[in-house]
Amino acid sequence: MKKSSVKYILCTLLVVCLITAEGIALYRHHQKASPQTATPVTTSGPGSRTDASETPLPETTPDPDSPEGKIYYAFEQILNEPSFQVDTDATINLKGRLIKGKRVLSAHAHVTGADDRDNLKLDMATKTTSRGKTEKTRSTYRNGLYCSDNGKEKTKTERSPEEVLSMVTFISDIMQDASSQLENMKITTDDSDTIYSFTLPGETASYYFSRIIEQASMNTEELKNVTGSVDSLKLKCRLNKKGVLTEQSANASGTVSKSIFTIPVTLTETTSFMIP
């Protein structure tokens, strides 16, 4: 083998080693820079849920007579209805130096077939305002196909009935998933309605904080695939005199991190249910 060839090979190996070492160093730097209190959440679209194996599910179903049980089964009643309507309003405030501003979302959805998942249908109208621009989207779900049209682009994706349902029942999903971990429970009444207010413990709250932020991210690039550290996560659930869920809300504040950026965030989200 010629000396020039040997030199070329040695130089190539040296460059590869330097690049590898730099990559490892950068990786360790970002690992240290990012909070480790929550698992990154990856979604395929607004409202998508992660795989069930990544979600901290309750160890047991709560006692139906307990406050946790009443919240859990109130949502189950909704899912056993042949049809229901959902209205969601969410506001996200970003308070970073470079990434800041308000994102506002409102959505109206009509769901049929929740009690028969093979025939689930969804019709949803969504309006988002971000960075001074407003976008309206109409979405439908039929026979396993989720179709979306924002006036500029039409998309079709295959989705499971459970994934589509979670797009409009996201906060309820959290209340069920974490029903064994509800803390600081307060029960008040408003006319004939009962209102349950509660929080979640630190690590669990940070996990769901990331998921709530992503669910309401309105396709904001800075809020995709983030980790979260929560300062406060307060949840509220309203049941009517028949024990049926009529409204739920989440109020959260904390920071989200992505790569080397850390962004202070506050969020409010309210979802109302109506059974025709």
Protein backbone atom coordinates (compact mmCIF):
# COMPACT_ATOMS: atom_id res chain seq x y z
CA MET A 1 0.00 0.00 0.00
CA LYS A 2 1.31 3.47 -0.90
CA LYS A 3 2.32 5.88 1.87
CA SER A 4 -0.14 8.47 0.52
CA SER A 5 -2.99 5.96 0.89
CA VAL A 6 -1.99 5.15 4.46
CA LYS A 7 -1.87 8.86 5.32
CA TYR A 8 -5.31 9.36 3.77
CA ILE A 9 -6.78 6.51 5.81
CA LEU A 10 -5.19 7.78 9.05
CA CYS A 11 -6.46 11.31 8.42
CA THR A 12 -9.96 10.01 7.72
CA LEU A 13 -9.98 7.98 10.95
CA LEU A 14 -8.79 11.02 12.91
CA VAL A 15 -11.62 13.19 11.51
CA VAL A 16 -14.20 10.51 12.33
CA CYS A 17 -12.91 10.27 15.91
CA LEU A 18 -13.03 14.05 16.37
CA ILE A 19 -16.60 14.27 15.02
CA THR A 20 -17.70 11.39 17.28
CA ALA A 21 -16.10 12.99 20.34
CA GLU A 22 -17.74 16.33 19.58
CA GLY A 23 -21.12 14.65 19.13
CA ILE A 24 -20.84 12.88 22.49
CA ALA A 25 -19.85 16.13 24.19
CA LEU A 26 -22.81 18.00 22.69
CA TYR A 27 -25.18 15.21 23.69
CA ARG A 28 -23.95 15.28 27.29
CA HIS A 29 -24.22 19.08 27.32
CA HIS A 30 -27.85 19.00 26.21
CA GLN A 31 -28.63 16.20 28.69
CA LYS A 32 -27.38 18.41 31.51
CA ALA A 33 -29.20 21.47 30.16
CA SER A 34 -32.60 19.77 29.91
CA PRO A 35 -34.83 19.06 32.94
CA GLN A 36 -35.15 15.35 33.67
CA THR A 37 -38.44 15.52 35.52
CA ALA A 38 -40.58 14.56 32.57
CA THR A 39 -40.41 12.22 29.62
CA PRO A 40 -40.39 13.91 26.18
CA VAL A 41 -43.74 13.55 24.50
CA THR A 42 -43.99 12.93 20.79
CA THR A 43 -47.25 13.45 18.97
CA SER A 44 -48.40 12.98 15.44
CA GLY A 45 -50.85 15.86 15.58
CA PRO A 46 -52.91 18.03 17.92
CA GLY A 47 -54.42 15.95 20.69
CA SER A 48 -52.62 12.72 19.85
CA ARG A 49 -51.79 10.49 22.79
CA THR A 50 -48.58 8.63 23.39
CA ASP A 51 -48.46 4.87 23.49
CA ALA A 52 -50.29 3.48 26.53
CA SER A 53 -47.05 1.92 27.85
CA GLU A 54 -45.63 5.45 28.31
CA THR A 55 -48.62 6.68 30.32
CA PRO A 56 -48.75 6.26 34.13
CA LEU A 57 -52.06 4.43 34.42
CA PRO A 58 -53.89 4.00 37.74
CA GLU A 59 -53.06 0.79 39.57
CA THR A 60 -56.73 0.10 40.32
CA THR A 61 -60.09 1.50 39.32
CA PRO A 62 -61.18 3.97 42.04
CA ASP A 63 -64.10 3.36 44.38
CA PRO A 64 -67.24 4.66 42.60
CA ASP A 65 -68.37 6.45 45.78
CA SER A 66 -65.10 8.32 46.27
CA PRO A 67 -64.48 11.75 44.69
CA GLU A 68 -61.87 10.14 42.43
CA GLY A 69 -64.39 7.48 41.44
CA LYS A 70 -67.12 10.00 40.68
CA ILE A 71 -64.75 11.87 38.36
CA TYR A 72 -63.58 8.64 36.71
CA TYR A 73 -67.06 7.23 36.04
CA ALA A 74 -68.56 10.59 35.01
CA PHE A 75 -66.28 10.46 31.99
CA GLU A 76 -67.15 6.82 31.39
CA GLN A 77 -70.80 7.87 31.11
CA ILE A 78 -69.88 10.31 28.33
CA LEU A 79 -68.09 7.57 26.41
CA ASN A 80 -71.15 5.32 26.67
CA GLU A 81 -73.37 7.88 24.96
CA PRO A 82 -74.25 7.35 21.27
CA SER A 83 -73.36 11.01 20.60
CA PHE A 84 -72.09 14.12 22.35
CA GLN A 85 -70.72 17.57 21.56
CA VAL A 86 -67.49 19.08 22.82
CA ASP A 87 -66.33 22.71 22.98
CA THR A 88 -62.72 23.50 23.85
CA ASP A 89 -61.01 26.84 24.45
CA ALA A 90 -57.29 27.05 25.18
CA THR A 91 -54.80 29.87 25.59
CA ILE A 92 -51.02 29.49 25.77
CA ASN A 93 -48.73 32.35 26.78
CA LEU A 94 -45.01 32.05 26.01
CA LYS A 95 -42.85 34.39 28.09
CA GLY A 96 -39.33 33.74 26.82
CA ARG A 97 -37.00 36.52 25.65
CA LEU A 98 -36.74 35.21 22.10
CA ILE A 99 -39.88 33.07 21.88
CA LYS A 100 -42.93 34.83 23.26
CA GLY A 101 -46.54 35.70 22.51
CA LYS A 102 -50.04 34.29 22.87
CA ARG A 103 -51.59 31.32 21.08
CA VAL A 104 -55.38 30.94 21.23
CA LEU A 105 -57.39 27.90 20.18
CA SER A 106 -61.13 27.22 20.03
CA ALA A 107 -62.70 24.01 18.76
CA HIS A 108 -66.20 22.61 18.38
CA ALA A 109 -66.62 18.89 17.82
CA HIS A 110 -69.54 16.53 17.37
CA VAL A 111 -68.85 12.88 18.16
CA THR A 112 -71.11 9.95 17.29
CA GLY A 113 -70.46 6.30 17.96
CA ALA A 114 -68.32 6.69 21.08
CA ASP A 115 -70.23 3.67 22.42
CA ASP A 116 -69.49 1.77 19.19
CA ARG A 117 -65.86 2.45 18.30
CA ASP A 118 -66.01 0.58 15.00
CA ASN A 119 -68.49 3.20 13.79
CA LEU A 120 -66.97 6.28 15.44
CA LYS A 121 -67.50 9.54 13.57
CA LEU A 122 -66.10 12.99 14.28
CA ASP A 123 -66.87 16.41 12.80
CA MET A 124 -64.72 19.22 14.16
CA ALA A 125 -64.13 22.90 13.41
CA THR A 126 -61.00 24.50 14.86
CA LYS A 127 -59.82 28.11 14.94
CA THR A 128 -56.29 29.02 15.99
CA THR A 129 -54.65 32.43 16.33
CA SER A 130 -50.88 32.61 16.58
CA ARG A 131 -48.44 35.44 15.83
CA GLY A 132 -51.28 37.60 14.56
CA LYS A 133 -52.47 35.01 12.05
CA THR A 134 -55.75 33.09 12.25
CA GLU A 135 -56.27 29.68 10.72
CA LYS A 136 -59.52 27.75 10.45
CA THR A 137 -59.55 24.00 9.99
CA ARG A 138 -62.36 21.53 9.37
CA SER A 139 -61.75 17.90 10.24
CA THR A 140 -63.72 14.68 9.88
CA TYR A 141 -63.23 11.07 10.88
CA ARG A 142 -64.91 8.22 9.02
CA ASN A 143 -64.01 4.56 8.60
CA GLY A 144 -60.57 4.94 10.17
CA LEU A 145 -59.57 7.98 8.10
CA TYR A 146 -58.94 11.38 9.70
CA CYS A 147 -59.29 14.13 7.08
CA SER A 148 -58.30 17.74 7.67
CA ASP A 149 -58.64 20.87 5.51
CA ASN A 150 -57.28 24.29 6.53
CA GLY A 151 -57.99 25.98 3.20
CA LYS A 152 -54.39 25.64 2.10
CA GLU A 153 -53.74 21.96 2.55
CA LYS A 154 -55.82 18.79 2.77
CA THR A 155 -54.51 15.76 4.63
CA LYS A 156 -55.70 12.20 5.19
CA THR A 157 -54.23 9.93 7.85
CA GLU A 158 -55.22 6.60 9.33
CA ARG A 159 -56.01 6.85 13.02
CA SER A 160 -57.55 4.58 15.61
CA PRO A 161 -60.91 5.51 17.18
CA GLU A 162 -59.19 5.89 20.57
CA GLU A 163 -56.66 8.35 19.17
CA VAL A 164 -59.40 10.44 17.57
CA LEU A 165 -61.52 10.43 20.74
CA SER A 166 -58.57 11.64 22.79
CA MET A 167 -58.33 14.71 20.56
CA VAL A 168 -61.52 16.04 22.19
CA THR A 169 -61.33 14.33 25.61
CA PHE A 170 -57.70 15.01 26.44
CA ILE A 171 -58.10 16.46 29.94
CA SER A 172 -60.56 13.69 30.84
CA ASP A 173 -57.98 11.14 29.77
CA ILE A 174 -55.51 12.67 32.20
CA MET A 175 -58.04 12.64 35.04
CA GLN A 176 -58.70 8.95 34.41
CA ASP A 177 -55.06 7.95 33.87
CA ALA A 178 -53.96 9.65 37.09
CA SER A 179 -57.13 9.04 39.13
CA SER A 180 -55.16 7.23 41.85
CA GLN A 181 -52.82 10.22 42.30
CA LEU A 182 -55.21 13.15 42.72
CA GLU A 183 -54.18 15.47 45.56
CA ASN A 184 -55.55 18.47 47.48
CA MET A 185 -59.12 17.52 46.59
CA LYS A 186 -61.70 20.27 47.24
CA ILE A 187 -65.42 19.78 46.67
CA THR A 188 -67.80 22.72 46.23
CA THR A 189 -71.33 23.14 44.90
CA ASP A 190 -72.80 25.55 42.38
CA ASP A 191 -76.60 25.28 42.33
CA SER A 192 -77.17 21.58 41.61
CA ASP A 193 -73.67 21.01 40.17
CA THR A 194 -70.72 19.57 42.07
CA ILE A 195 -67.23 20.92 41.35
CA TYR A 196 -64.10 18.89 42.12
CA SER A 197 -60.80 20.80 42.23
CA PHE A 198 -57.48 19.01 42.66
CA THR A 199 -53.79 18.86 41.75
CA LEU A 200 -51.27 16.17 40.79
CA PRO A 201 -47.94 15.35 42.52
CA GLY A 202 -44.72 16.89 41.19
CA GLU A 203 -43.27 14.37 38.71
CA THR A 204 -46.69 13.28 37.47
CA ALA A 205 -47.71 16.93 37.09
CA SER A 206 -44.60 17.68 35.00
CA TYR A 207 -45.29 14.68 32.78
CA TYR A 208 -48.86 15.74 32.05
CA PHE A 209 -47.87 19.41 31.82
CA SER A 210 -45.71 18.53 28.80
CA ARG A 211 -48.57 16.60 27.25
CA ILE A 212 -51.12 19.38 27.80
CA ILE A 213 -48.77 21.95 26.27
CA GLU A 214 -48.22 19.77 23.20
CA GLN A 215 -51.92 18.95 22.87
CA ALA A 216 -52.78 22.64 22.79
CA SER A 217 -49.64 23.69 20.90
CA MET A 218 -51.63 24.60 17.77
CA ASN A 219 -48.78 23.23 15.64
CA THR A 220 -46.36 25.78 17.12
CA GLU A 221 -42.94 24.36 16.24
CA GLU A 222 -41.32 25.53 19.49
CA LEU A 223 -43.81 23.47 21.53
CA LYS A 224 -43.34 20.11 19.80
CA ASN A 225 -41.29 17.33 21.44
CA VAL A 226 -40.68 19.26 24.65
CA THR A 227 -39.90 18.34 28.23
CA GLY A 228 -41.68 20.21 30.99
CA SER A 229 -41.08 21.34 34.53
CA VAL A 230 -44.29 22.44 36.21
CA ASP A 231 -44.74 25.12 38.87
CA SER A 232 -48.49 24.63 39.14
CA LEU A 233 -51.06 22.30 37.56
CA LYS A 234 -54.64 22.71 38.76
CA LEU A 235 -57.50 20.60 37.40
CA LYS A 236 -61.22 21.09 37.82
CA CYS A 237 -64.21 18.91 36.98
CA ARG A 238 -67.91 19.86 37.02
CA LEU A 239 -70.65 17.22 37.34
CA ASN A 240 -74.38 17.88 37.08
CA LYS A 241 -76.97 16.53 39.51
CA LYS A 242 -77.11 13.26 37.56
CA GLY A 243 -73.36 12.82 37.98
CA VAL A 244 -72.65 13.49 34.30
CA LEU A 245 -69.50 15.38 33.31
CA THR A 246 -70.36 18.81 31.88
CA GLU A 247 -67.09 20.76 32.11
CA GLN A 248 -63.44 20.30 32.91
CA SER A 249 -60.48 22.66 32.97
CA ALA A 250 -56.73 22.82 33.43
CA ASN A 251 -54.62 25.77 34.57
CA ALA A 252 -50.88 25.33 34.40
CA SER A 253 -47.65 27.28 34.62
CA GLY A 254 -44.04 26.21 34.35
CA THR A 255 -41.28 25.94 31.79
CA VAL A 256 -40.79 23.80 28.72
CA SER A 257 -37.39 22.91 27.31
CA LYS A 258 -36.39 21.99 23.80
CA SER A 259 -32.77 21.63 22.78
CA ILE A 260 -30.99 24.56 24.49
CA PHE A 261 -34.11 26.73 24.89
CA THR A 262 -36.13 27.02 28.10
CA ILE A 263 -39.43 28.88 27.77
CA PRO A 264 -41.72 30.03 30.63
CA VAL A 265 -45.29 29.02 29.78
CA THR A 266 -48.78 29.52 31.22
CA LEU A 267 -51.84 27.71 29.92
CA THR A 268 -55.59 27.65 30.48
CA GLU A 269 -57.85 25.11 28.82
CA THR A 270 -61.56 24.51 29.31
CA THR A 271 -63.66 21.78 27.72
CA SER A 272 -67.46 21.57 27.90
CA PHE A 273 -69.56 18.50 27.13
CA MET A 274 -73.17 18.42 25.99
CA ILE A 275 -75.32 15.35 25.42
CA PRO A 276 -78.11 16.04 22.89
